[in-house]
Amino acid sequence: MKNKIILFYVPCDLKKTAQTLAKKTLHGKLAACAQIFPVQSLYLWDNKVNDTDEFVLILKTLKSKVKPLKKLLESLHPYETPAILTTVMDVNKAYYQWMMESLESE
């Protein structure tokens, strides 16, 4: 499949944080779609196991937007060490076309 997009996975401390990041990326045409999910995160920090409620922000974008999107997320994210994960995904042609039109139009 040649229709590839980039999926960002970004845990946030608060729902409001995830919403703010999502809106900035959408208004800046750095992402075509954002979804926010509540999650329970368990992780090591300062040699202790932490158990925290967080909100995961998922962003869908094109390869051409990855660098500016990552830069924006790194500059605005409140965490000292934010997790900003990306993966390449195959999508159907119609969805890919919609994303191209949404992000490449002026």
PDB file of N, CA and C in Angstrom:
ATOM      1  N   MET A   1       0.848  -1.186   0.000  1.00  0.00           N
ATOM      2  CA  MET A   1       0.000   0.000   0.000  1.00  0.00           C
ATOM      3  C   MET A   1       0.889   1.244   0.000  1.00  0.00           C
ATOM      4  N   LYS A   2       0.658   2.174  -0.886  1.00  0.00           N
ATOM      5  CA  LYS A   2       1.527   3.334  -0.992  1.00  0.00           C
ATOM      6  C   LYS A   2       1.018   4.565  -0.259  1.00  0.00           C
ATOM      7  N   ASN A   3      -0.194   4.527   0.255  1.00  0.00           N
ATOM      8  CA  ASN A   3      -0.755   5.670   0.966  1.00  0.00           C
ATOM      9  C   ASN A   3      -0.343   5.596   2.429  1.00  0.00           C
ATOM     10  N   LYS A   4       0.738   6.279   2.760  1.00  0.00           N
ATOM     11  CA  LYS A   4       1.285   6.195   4.110  1.00  0.00           C
ATOM     12  C   LYS A   4       1.141   7.526   4.830  1.00  0.00           C
ATOM     13  N   ILE A   5       0.767   7.439   6.100  1.00  0.00           N
ATOM     14  CA  ILE A   5       0.688   8.616   6.959  1.00  0.00           C
ATOM     15  C   ILE A   5       1.544   8.355   8.198  1.00  0.00           C
ATOM     16  N   ILE A   6       1.732   9.397   8.987  1.00  0.00           N
ATOM     17  CA  ILE A   6       2.477   9.288  10.231  1.00  0.00           C
ATOM     18  C   ILE A   6       1.506   9.487  11.386  1.00  0.00           C
ATOM     19  N   LEU A   7       1.576   8.581  12.336  1.00  0.00           N
ATOM     20  CA  LEU A   7       0.752   8.649  13.540  1.00  0.00           C
ATOM     21  C   LEU A   7       1.646   9.061  14.706  1.00  0.00           C
ATOM     22  N   PHE A   8       1.271  10.123  15.393  1.00  0.00           N
ATOM     23  CA  PHE A   8       1.967  10.563  16.606  1.00  0.00           C
ATOM     24  C   PHE A   8       1.189  10.065  17.821  1.00  0.00           C
ATOM     25  N   TYR A   9       1.904   9.615  18.830  1.00  0.00           N
ATOM     26  CA  TYR A   9       1.328   9.142  20.097  1.00  0.00           C
ATOM     27  C   TYR A   9       2.002   9.972  21.187  1.00  0.00           C
ATOM     28  N   VAL A  10       1.206  10.822  21.873  1.00  0.00           N
ATOM     29  CA  VAL A  10       1.778  11.784  22.816  1.00  0.00           C
ATOM     30  C   VAL A  10       0.988  11.784  24.129  1.00  0.00           C
ATOM     31  N   PRO A  11       1.509  11.163  25.198  1.00  0.00           N
ATOM     32  CA  PRO A  11       0.845  11.222  26.497  1.00  0.00           C
ATOM     33  C   PRO A  11       0.914  12.642  27.083  1.00  0.00           C
ATOM     34  N   CYS A  12      -0.181  13.062  27.715  1.00  0.00           N
ATOM     35  CA  CYS A  12      -0.273  14.394  28.323  1.00  0.00           C
ATOM     36  C   CYS A  12      -0.790  14.274  29.751  1.00  0.00           C
ATOM     37  N   ASP A  13      -0.466  15.268  30.567  1.00  0.00           N
ATOM     38  CA  ASP A  13      -0.867  15.255  31.967  1.00  0.00           C
ATOM     39  C   ASP A  13      -2.366  15.483  32.161  1.00  0.00           C
ATOM     40  N   LEU A  14      -2.923  16.382  31.396  1.00  0.00           N
ATOM     41  CA  LEU A  14      -4.327  16.765  31.543  1.00  0.00           C
ATOM     42  C   LEU A  14      -5.041  16.729  30.188  1.00  0.00           C
ATOM     43  N   LYS A  15      -6.350  16.553  30.244  1.00  0.00           N
ATOM     44  CA  LYS A  15      -7.144  16.584  29.013  1.00  0.00           C
ATOM     45  C   LYS A  15      -7.003  17.945  28.335  1.00  0.00           C
ATOM     46  N   LYS A  16      -6.997  19.001  29.136  1.00  0.00           N
ATOM     47  CA  LYS A  16      -6.868  20.354  28.590  1.00  0.00           C
ATOM     48  C   LYS A  16      -5.538  20.527  27.845  1.00  0.00           C
ATOM     49  N   THR A  17      -4.476  19.954  28.368  1.00  0.00           N
ATOM     50  CA  THR A  17      -3.174  20.011  27.688  1.00  0.00           C
ATOM     51  C   THR A  17      -3.268  19.345  26.320  1.00  0.00           C
ATOM     52  N   ALA A  18      -3.844  18.150  26.281  1.00  0.00           N
ATOM     53  CA  ALA A  18      -3.994  17.419  25.020  1.00  0.00           C
ATOM     54  C   ALA A  18      -4.863  18.206  24.038  1.00  0.00           C
ATOM     55  N   GLN A  19      -5.940  18.811  24.539  1.00  0.00           N
ATOM     56  CA  GLN A  19      -6.822  19.597  23.678  1.00  0.00           C
ATOM     57  C   GLN A  19      -6.101  20.820  23.109  1.00  0.00           C
ATOM     58  N   THR A  20      -5.324  21.499  23.945  1.00  0.00           N
ATOM     59  CA  THR A  20      -4.579  22.677  23.497  1.00  0.00           C
ATOM     60  C   THR A  20      -3.571  22.304  22.417  1.00  0.00           C
ATOM     61  N   LEU A  21      -2.817  21.228  22.652  1.00  0.00           N
ATOM     62  CA  LEU A  21      -1.846  20.772  21.656  1.00  0.00           C
ATOM     63  C   LEU A  21      -2.548  20.377  20.359  1.00  0.00           C
ATOM     64  N   ALA A  22      -3.659  19.669  20.484  1.00  0.00           N
ATOM     65  CA  ALA A  22      -4.412  19.235  19.300  1.00  0.00           C
ATOM     66  C   ALA A  22      -4.875  20.434  18.478  1.00  0.00           C
ATOM     67  N   LYS A  23      -5.455  21.422  19.135  1.00  0.00           N
ATOM     68  CA  LYS A  23      -5.975  22.591  18.414  1.00  0.00           C
ATOM     69  C   LYS A  23      -4.859  23.375  17.728  1.00  0.00           C
ATOM     70  N   LYS A  24      -3.719  23.509  18.396  1.00  0.00           N
ATOM     71  CA  LYS A  24      -2.590  24.223  17.782  1.00  0.00           C
ATOM     72  C   LYS A  24      -2.089  23.495  16.534  1.00  0.00           C
ATOM     73  N   THR A  25      -2.033  22.174  16.592  1.00  0.00           N
ATOM     74  CA  THR A  25      -1.557  21.417  15.426  1.00  0.00           C
ATOM     75  C   THR A  25      -2.571  21.471  14.283  1.00  0.00           C
ATOM     76  N   LEU A  26      -3.846  21.436  14.615  1.00  0.00           N
ATOM     77  CA  LEU A  26      -4.881  21.490  13.580  1.00  0.00           C
ATOM     78  C   LEU A  26      -4.942  22.873  12.936  1.00  0.00           C
ATOM     79  N   HIS A  27      -4.937  23.931  13.754  1.00  0.00           N
ATOM     80  CA  HIS A  27      -4.978  25.294  13.208  1.00  0.00           C
ATOM     81  C   HIS A  27      -3.737  25.602  12.374  1.00  0.00           C
ATOM     82  N   GLY A  28      -2.607  25.019  12.757  1.00  0.00           N
ATOM     83  CA  GLY A  28      -1.372  25.225  12.013  1.00  0.00           C
ATOM     84  C   GLY A  28      -1.214  24.301  10.818  1.00  0.00           C
ATOM     85  N   LYS A  29      -2.213  23.485  10.567  1.00  0.00           N
ATOM     86  CA  LYS A  29      -2.191  22.497   9.470  1.00  0.00           C
ATOM     87  C   LYS A  29      -0.975  21.580   9.556  1.00  0.00           C
ATOM     88  N   LEU A  30      -0.625  21.210  10.791  1.00  0.00           N
ATOM     89  CA  LEU A  30       0.453  20.249  11.005  1.00  0.00           C
ATOM     90  C   LEU A  30      -0.101  18.845  11.186  1.00  0.00           C
ATOM     91  N   ALA A  31      -1.377  18.746  11.504  1.00  0.00           N
ATOM     92  CA  ALA A  31      -2.073  17.462  11.625  1.00  0.00           C
ATOM     93  C   ALA A  31      -3.468  17.629  11.037  1.00  0.00           C
ATOM     94  N   ALA A  32      -3.994  16.550  10.486  1.00  0.00           N
ATOM     95  CA  ALA A  32      -5.327  16.586   9.886  1.00  0.00           C
ATOM     96  C   ALA A  32      -6.400  16.110  10.855  1.00  0.00           C
ATOM     97  N   CYS A  33      -5.983  15.359  11.871  1.00  0.00           N
ATOM     98  CA  CYS A  33      -6.940  14.756  12.793  1.00  0.00           C
ATOM     99  C   CYS A  33      -6.266  14.537  14.141  1.00  0.00           C
ATOM    100  N   ALA A  34      -7.030  14.713  15.210  1.00  0.00           N
ATOM    101  CA  ALA A  34      -6.517  14.471  16.562  1.00  0.00           C
ATOM    102  C   ALA A  34      -7.562  13.697  17.354  1.00  0.00           C
ATOM    103  N   GLN A  35      -7.087  12.777  18.168  1.00  0.00           N
ATOM    104  CA  GLN A  35      -7.961  12.019  19.061  1.00  0.00           C
ATOM    105  C   GLN A  35      -7.325  12.007  20.440  1.00  0.00           C
ATOM    106  N   ILE A  36      -8.170  12.030  21.468  1.00  0.00           N
ATOM    107  CA  ILE A  36      -7.693  12.069  22.850  1.00  0.00           C
ATOM    108  C   ILE A  36      -8.371  10.949  23.631  1.00  0.00           C
ATOM    109  N   PHE A  37      -7.545  10.156  24.325  1.00  0.00           N
ATOM    110  CA  PHE A  37      -8.038   9.019  25.100  1.00  0.00           C
ATOM    111  C   PHE A  37      -7.503   9.077  26.523  1.00  0.00           C
ATOM    112  N   PRO A  38      -8.345   8.765  27.529  1.00  0.00           N
ATOM    113  CA  PRO A  38      -7.812   8.627  28.889  1.00  0.00           C
ATOM    114  C   PRO A  38      -7.086   7.287  29.021  1.00  0.00           C
ATOM    115  N   VAL A  39      -5.958   7.298  29.734  1.00  0.00           N
ATOM    116  CA  VAL A  39      -5.190   6.071  29.956  1.00  0.00           C
ATOM    117  C   VAL A  39      -4.616   6.069  31.373  1.00  0.00           C
ATOM    118  N   GLN A  40      -4.298   4.884  31.847  1.00  0.00           N
ATOM    119  CA  GLN A  40      -3.559   4.724  33.094  1.00  0.00           C
ATOM    120  C   GLN A  40      -2.136   4.368  32.700  1.00  0.00           C
ATOM    121  N   SER A  41      -1.176   5.184  33.111  1.00  0.00           N
ATOM    122  CA  SER A  41       0.226   4.961  32.755  1.00  0.00           C
ATOM    123  C   SER A  41       1.022   4.519  33.972  1.00  0.00           C
ATOM    124  N   LEU A  42       1.804   3.475  33.782  1.00  0.00           N
ATOM    125  CA  LEU A  42       2.751   3.025  34.800  1.00  0.00           C
ATOM    126  C   LEU A  42       4.138   3.143  34.195  1.00  0.00           C
ATOM    127  N   TYR A  43       5.057   3.786  34.915  1.00  0.00           N
ATOM    128  CA  TYR A  43       6.377   4.051  34.348  1.00  0.00           C
ATOM    129  C   TYR A  43       7.399   4.269  35.463  1.00  0.00           C
ATOM    130  N   LEU A  44       8.662   4.117  35.097  1.00  0.00           N
ATOM    131  CA  LEU A  44       9.750   4.374  36.032  1.00  0.00           C
ATOM    132  C   LEU A  44      10.167   5.835  35.942  1.00  0.00           C
ATOM    133  N   TRP A  45      10.306   6.485  37.110  1.00  0.00           N
ATOM    134  CA  TRP A  45      10.810   7.852  37.181  1.00  0.00           C
ATOM    135  C   TRP A  45      11.523   8.003  38.512  1.00  0.00           C
ATOM    136  N   ASP A  46      12.761   8.422  38.482  1.00  0.00           N
ATOM    137  CA  ASP A  46      13.581   8.539  39.699  1.00  0.00           C
ATOM    138  C   ASP A  46      13.634   7.219  40.463  1.00  0.00           C
ATOM    139  N   ASN A  47      13.787   6.131  39.736  1.00  0.00           N
ATOM    140  CA  ASN A  47      13.900   4.781  40.309  1.00  0.00           C
ATOM    141  C   ASN A  47      12.663   4.331  41.076  1.00  0.00           C
ATOM    142  N   LYS A  48      11.515   4.916  40.775  1.00  0.00           N
ATOM    143  CA  LYS A  48      10.258   4.521  41.412  1.00  0.00           C
ATOM    144  C   LYS A  48       9.234   4.209  40.327  1.00  0.00           C
ATOM    145  N   VAL A  49       8.375   3.249  40.642  1.00  0.00           N
ATOM    146  CA  VAL A  49       7.263   2.954  39.738  1.00  0.00           C
ATOM    147  C   VAL A  49       6.146   3.946  40.037  1.00  0.00           C
ATOM    148  N   ASN A  50       5.738   4.673  39.022  1.00  0.00           N
ATOM    149  CA  ASN A  50       4.662   5.656  39.152  1.00  0.00           C
ATOM    150  C   ASN A  50       3.413   5.133  38.454  1.00  0.00           C
ATOM    151  N   ASP A  51       2.272   5.488  38.994  1.00  0.00           N
ATOM    152  CA  ASP A  51       0.973   5.093  38.452  1.00  0.00           C
ATOM    153  C   ASP A  51       0.163   6.380  38.306  1.00  0.00           C
ATOM    154  N   THR A  52      -0.087   6.792  37.064  1.00  0.00           N
ATOM    155  CA  THR A  52      -0.675   8.105  36.810  1.00  0.00           C
ATOM    156  C   THR A  52      -1.787   8.015  35.773  1.00  0.00           C
ATOM    157  N   ASP A  53      -2.832   8.791  35.980  1.00  0.00           N
ATOM    158  CA  ASP A  53      -3.856   8.955  34.948  1.00  0.00           C
ATOM    159  C   ASP A  53      -3.370  10.022  33.978  1.00  0.00           C
ATOM    160  N   GLU A  54      -3.422   9.713  32.697  1.00  0.00           N
ATOM    161  CA  GLU A  54      -2.989  10.645  31.663  1.00  0.00           C
ATOM    162  C   GLU A  54      -4.002  10.638  30.524  1.00  0.00           C
ATOM    163  N   PHE A  55      -3.725  11.480  29.546  1.00  0.00           N
ATOM    164  CA  PHE A  55      -4.522  11.529  28.327  1.00  0.00           C
ATOM    165  C   PHE A  55      -3.574  11.403  27.149  1.00  0.00           C
ATOM    166  N   VAL A  56      -3.852  10.445  26.267  1.00  0.00           N
ATOM    167  CA  VAL A  56      -3.009  10.241  25.092  1.00  0.00           C
ATOM    168  C   VAL A  56      -3.595  11.031  23.926  1.00  0.00           C
ATOM    169  N   LEU A  57      -2.741  11.827  23.322  1.00  0.00           N
ATOM    170  CA  LEU A  57      -3.092  12.576  22.122  1.00  0.00           C
ATOM    171  C   LEU A  57      -2.541  11.808  20.922  1.00  0.00           C
ATOM    172  N   ILE A  58      -3.425  11.439  20.019  1.00  0.00           N
ATOM    173  CA  ILE A  58      -3.019  10.788  18.776  1.00  0.00           C
ATOM    174  C   ILE A  58      -3.250  11.789  17.648  1.00  0.00           C
ATOM    175  N   LEU A  59      -2.204  12.005  16.865  1.00  0.00           N
ATOM    176  CA  LEU A  59      -2.271  12.943  15.746  1.00  0.00           C
ATOM    177  C   LEU A  59      -1.960  12.208  14.448  1.00  0.00           C
ATOM    178  N   LYS A  60      -2.702  12.530  13.401  1.00  0.00           N
ATOM    179  CA  LYS A  60      -2.462  11.931  12.083  1.00  0.00           C
ATOM    180  C   LYS A  60      -1.949  13.022  11.153  1.00  0.00           C
ATOM    181  N   THR A  61      -0.800  12.751  10.518  1.00  0.00           N
ATOM    182  CA  THR A  61      -0.186  13.755   9.662  1.00  0.00           C
ATOM    183  C   THR A  61       0.523  13.109   8.481  1.00  0.00           C
ATOM    184  N   LEU A  62       1.115  13.948   7.656  1.00  0.00           N
ATOM    185  CA  LEU A  62       1.884  13.502   6.497  1.00  0.00           C
ATOM    186  C   LEU A  62       3.377  13.608   6.797  1.00  0.00           C
ATOM    187  N   LYS A  63       4.167  12.872   6.055  1.00  0.00           N
ATOM    188  CA  LYS A  63       5.618  12.858   6.265  1.00  0.00           C
ATOM    189  C   LYS A  63       6.209  14.269   6.210  1.00  0.00           C
ATOM    190  N   SER A  64       5.702  15.098   5.331  1.00  0.00           N
ATOM    191  CA  SER A  64       6.225  16.460   5.166  1.00  0.00           C
ATOM    192  C   SER A  64       6.001  17.343   6.391  1.00  0.00           C
ATOM    193  N   LYS A  65       5.120  16.935   7.287  1.00  0.00           N
ATOM    194  CA  LYS A  65       4.788  17.738   8.473  1.00  0.00           C
ATOM    195  C   LYS A  65       5.467  17.234   9.745  1.00  0.00           C
ATOM    196  N   VAL A  66       6.196  16.130   9.676  1.00  0.00           N
ATOM    197  CA  VAL A  66       6.741  15.499  10.881  1.00  0.00           C
ATOM    198  C   VAL A  66       7.684  16.421  11.653  1.00  0.00           C
ATOM    199  N   LYS A  67       8.666  17.002  10.990  1.00  0.00           N
ATOM    200  CA  LYS A  67       9.647  17.838  11.703  1.00  0.00           C
ATOM    201  C   LYS A  67       9.014  19.053  12.370  1.00  0.00           C
ATOM    202  N   PRO A  68       8.203  19.850  11.658  1.00  0.00           N
ATOM    203  CA  PRO A  68       7.601  20.997  12.338  1.00  0.00           C
ATOM    204  C   PRO A  68       6.610  20.596  13.431  1.00  0.00           C
ATOM    205  N   LEU A  69       5.914  19.489  13.238  1.00  0.00           N
ATOM    206  CA  LEU A  69       4.978  19.026  14.261  1.00  0.00           C
ATOM    207  C   LEU A  69       5.730  18.595  15.515  1.00  0.00           C
ATOM    208  N   LYS A  70       6.793  17.835  15.341  1.00  0.00           N
ATOM    209  CA  LYS A  70       7.594  17.391  16.482  1.00  0.00           C
ATOM    210  C   LYS A  70       8.193  18.592  17.222  1.00  0.00           C
ATOM    211  N   LYS A  71       8.671  19.560  16.482  1.00  0.00           N
ATOM    212  CA  LYS A  71       9.257  20.768  17.084  1.00  0.00           C
ATOM    213  C   LYS A  71       8.213  21.518  17.914  1.00  0.00           C
ATOM    214  N   LEU A  72       7.007  21.656  17.371  1.00  0.00           N
ATOM    215  CA  LEU A  72       5.932  22.335  18.096  1.00  0.00           C
ATOM    216  C   LEU A  72       5.590  21.584  19.378  1.00  0.00           C
ATOM    217  N   LEU A  73       5.424  20.273  19.286  1.00  0.00           N
ATOM    218  CA  LEU A  73       5.076  19.477  20.464  1.00  0.00           C
ATOM    219  C   LEU A  73       6.158  19.570  21.533  1.00  0.00           C
ATOM    220  N   GLU A  74       7.418  19.495  21.125  1.00  0.00           N
ATOM    221  CA  GLU A  74       8.521  19.585  22.089  1.00  0.00           C
ATOM    222  C   GLU A  74       8.562  20.949  22.768  1.00  0.00           C
ATOM    223  N   SER A  75       8.229  21.999  22.043  1.00  0.00           N
ATOM    224  CA  SER A  75       8.291  23.348  22.617  1.00  0.00           C
ATOM    225  C   SER A  75       7.117  23.654  23.547  1.00  0.00           C
ATOM    226  N   LEU A  76       5.972  23.026  23.334  1.00  0.00           N
ATOM    227  CA  LEU A  76       4.774  23.344  24.119  1.00  0.00           C
ATOM    228  C   LEU A  76       4.427  22.320  25.197  1.00  0.00           C
ATOM    229  N   HIS A  77       4.960  21.120  25.100  1.00  0.00           N
ATOM    230  CA  HIS A  77       4.586  20.062  26.043  1.00  0.00           C
ATOM    231  C   HIS A  77       5.102  20.398  27.441  1.00  0.00           C
ATOM    232  N   PRO A  78       4.259  20.241  28.472  1.00  0.00           N
ATOM    233  CA  PRO A  78       4.673  20.616  29.826  1.00  0.00           C
ATOM    234  C   PRO A  78       5.618  19.626  30.518  1.00  0.00           C
ATOM    235  N   TYR A  79       5.731  18.408  30.021  1.00  0.00           N
ATOM    236  CA  TYR A  79       6.593  17.425  30.682  1.00  0.00           C
ATOM    237  C   TYR A  79       8.070  17.767  30.491  1.00  0.00           C
ATOM    238  N   GLU A  80       8.858  17.459  31.504  1.00  0.00           N
ATOM    239  CA  GLU A  80      10.309  17.625  31.427  1.00  0.00           C
ATOM    240  C   GLU A  80      10.888  16.745  30.318  1.00  0.00           C
ATOM    241  N   THR A  81      10.372  15.521  30.232  1.00  0.00           N
ATOM    242  CA  THR A  81      10.803  14.569  29.208  1.00  0.00           C
ATOM    243  C   THR A  81       9.563  13.989  28.527  1.00  0.00           C
ATOM    244  N   PRO A  82       8.975  14.724  27.576  1.00  0.00           N
ATOM    245  CA  PRO A  82       7.756  14.212  26.938  1.00  0.00           C
ATOM    246  C   PRO A  82       8.047  13.024  26.024  1.00  0.00           C
ATOM    247  N   ALA A  83       7.121  12.095  25.995  1.00  0.00           N
ATOM    248  CA  ALA A  83       7.199  10.969  25.057  1.00  0.00           C
ATOM    249  C   ALA A  83       6.466  11.396  23.790  1.00  0.00           C
ATOM    250  N   ILE A  84       7.206  11.525  22.711  1.00  0.00           N
ATOM    251  CA  ILE A  84       6.618  11.880  21.422  1.00  0.00           C
ATOM    252  C   ILE A  84       6.994  10.761  20.466  1.00  0.00           C
ATOM    253  N   LEU A  85       6.071   9.826  20.291  1.00  0.00           N
ATOM    254  CA  LEU A  85       6.329   8.626  19.500  1.00  0.00           C
ATOM    255  C   LEU A  85       5.667   8.750  18.136  1.00  0.00           C
ATOM    256  N   THR A  86       6.322   8.201  17.118  1.00  0.00           N
ATOM    257  CA  THR A  86       5.744   8.206  15.774  1.00  0.00           C
ATOM    258  C   THR A  86       5.846   6.819  15.153  1.00  0.00           C
ATOM    259  N   THR A  87       4.916   6.549  14.265  1.00  0.00           N
ATOM    260  CA  THR A  87       4.949   5.316  13.485  1.00  0.00           C
ATOM    261  C   THR A  87       4.317   5.589  12.120  1.00  0.00           C
ATOM    262  N   VAL A  88       4.729   4.821  11.152  1.00  0.00           N
ATOM    263  CA  VAL A  88       4.182   4.946   9.796  1.00  0.00           C
ATOM    264  C   VAL A  88       3.016   3.972   9.667  1.00  0.00           C
ATOM    265  N   MET A  89       1.925   4.452   9.085  1.00  0.00           N
ATOM    266  CA  MET A  89       0.721   3.637   8.927  1.00  0.00           C
ATOM    267  C   MET A  89       0.258   3.655   7.472  1.00  0.00           C
ATOM    268  N   ASP A  90      -0.231   2.518   7.011  1.00  0.00           N
ATOM    269  CA  ASP A  90      -0.898   2.444   5.712  1.00  0.00           C
ATOM    270  C   ASP A  90      -2.354   2.843   5.904  1.00  0.00           C
ATOM    271  N   VAL A  91      -2.875   3.637   4.976  1.00  0.00           N
ATOM    272  CA  VAL A  91      -4.286   4.023   5.041  1.00  0.00           C
ATOM    273  C   VAL A  91      -4.927   3.839   3.671  1.00  0.00           C
ATOM    274  N   ASN A  92      -6.246   3.804   3.670  1.00  0.00           N
ATOM    275  CA  ASN A  92      -6.973   3.684   2.412  1.00  0.00           C
ATOM    276  C   ASN A  92      -6.827   4.967   1.588  1.00  0.00           C
ATOM    277  N   LYS A  93      -6.995   4.837   0.294  1.00  0.00           N
ATOM    278  CA  LYS A  93      -6.764   5.937  -0.641  1.00  0.00           C
ATOM    279  C   LYS A  93      -7.642   7.157  -0.350  1.00  0.00           C
ATOM    280  N   ALA A  94      -8.902   6.939  -0.058  1.00  0.00           N
ATOM    281  CA  ALA A  94      -9.821   8.056   0.190  1.00  0.00           C
ATOM    282  C   ALA A  94      -9.390   8.867   1.416  1.00  0.00           C
ATOM    283  N   TYR A  95      -8.972   8.182   2.475  1.00  0.00           N
ATOM    284  CA  TYR A  95      -8.532   8.886   3.685  1.00  0.00           C
ATOM    285  C   TYR A  95      -7.246   9.663   3.409  1.00  0.00           C
ATOM    286  N   TYR A  96      -6.327   9.039   2.678  1.00  0.00           N
ATOM    287  CA  TYR A  96      -5.072   9.703   2.326  1.00  0.00           C
ATOM    288  C   TYR A  96      -5.347  10.963   1.502  1.00  0.00           C
ATOM    289  N   GLN A  97      -6.252  10.868   0.550  1.00  0.00           N
ATOM    290  CA  GLN A  97      -6.613  12.029  -0.282  1.00  0.00           C
ATOM    291  C   GLN A  97      -7.186  13.148   0.577  1.00  0.00           C
ATOM    292  N   TRP A  98      -8.058  12.789   1.517  1.00  0.00           N
ATOM    293  CA  TRP A  98      -8.636  13.793   2.413  1.00  0.00           C
ATOM    294  C   TRP A  98      -7.537  14.489   3.214  1.00  0.00           C
ATOM    295  N   MET A  99      -6.582  13.704   3.725  1.00  0.00           N
ATOM    296  CA  MET A  99      -5.481  14.299   4.489  1.00  0.00           C
ATOM    297  C   MET A  99      -4.644  15.226   3.613  1.00  0.00           C
ATOM    298  N   MET A 100      -4.342  14.802   2.400  1.00  0.00           N
ATOM    299  CA  MET A 100      -3.567  15.645   1.476  1.00  0.00           C
ATOM    300  C   MET A 100      -4.287  16.968   1.226  1.00  0.00           C
ATOM    301  N   GLU A 101      -5.574  16.886   0.951  1.00  0.00           N
ATOM    302  CA  GLU A 101      -6.361  18.099   0.694  1.00  0.00           C
ATOM    303  C   GLU A 101      -6.415  18.991   1.929  1.00  0.00           C
ATOM    304  N   SER A 102      -6.549  18.397   3.096  1.00  0.00           N
ATOM    305  CA  SER A 102      -6.657  19.163   4.341  1.00  0.00           C
ATOM    306  C   SER A 102      -5.359  19.868   4.709  1.00  0.00           C
ATOM    307  N   LEU A 103      -4.241  19.198   4.520  1.00  0.00           N
ATOM    308  CA  LEU A 103      -2.962  19.738   4.986  1.00  0.00           C
ATOM    309  C   LEU A 103      -2.193  20.518   3.927  1.00  0.00           C
ATOM    310  N   GLU A 104      -2.448  20.261   2.676  1.00  0.00           N
ATOM    311  CA  GLU A 104      -1.687  20.932   1.626  1.00  0.00           C
ATOM    312  C   GLU A 104      -2.414  22.141   1.043  1.00  0.00           C
ATOM    313  N   SER A 105      -3.694  22.308   1.364  1.00  0.00           N
ATOM    314  CA  SER A 105      -4.451  23.440   0.821  1.00  0.00           C
ATOM    315  C   SER A 105      -4.165  24.707   1.623  1.00  0.00           C
ATOM    316  N   GLU A 106      -4.354  25.829   1.006  1.00  0.00           N
ATOM    317  CA  GLU A 106      -4.143  27.131   1.675  1.00  0.00           C
ATOM    318  C   GLU A 106      -5.446  27.702   2.142  1.00  0.00           C
TER     319      GLU A 106
END
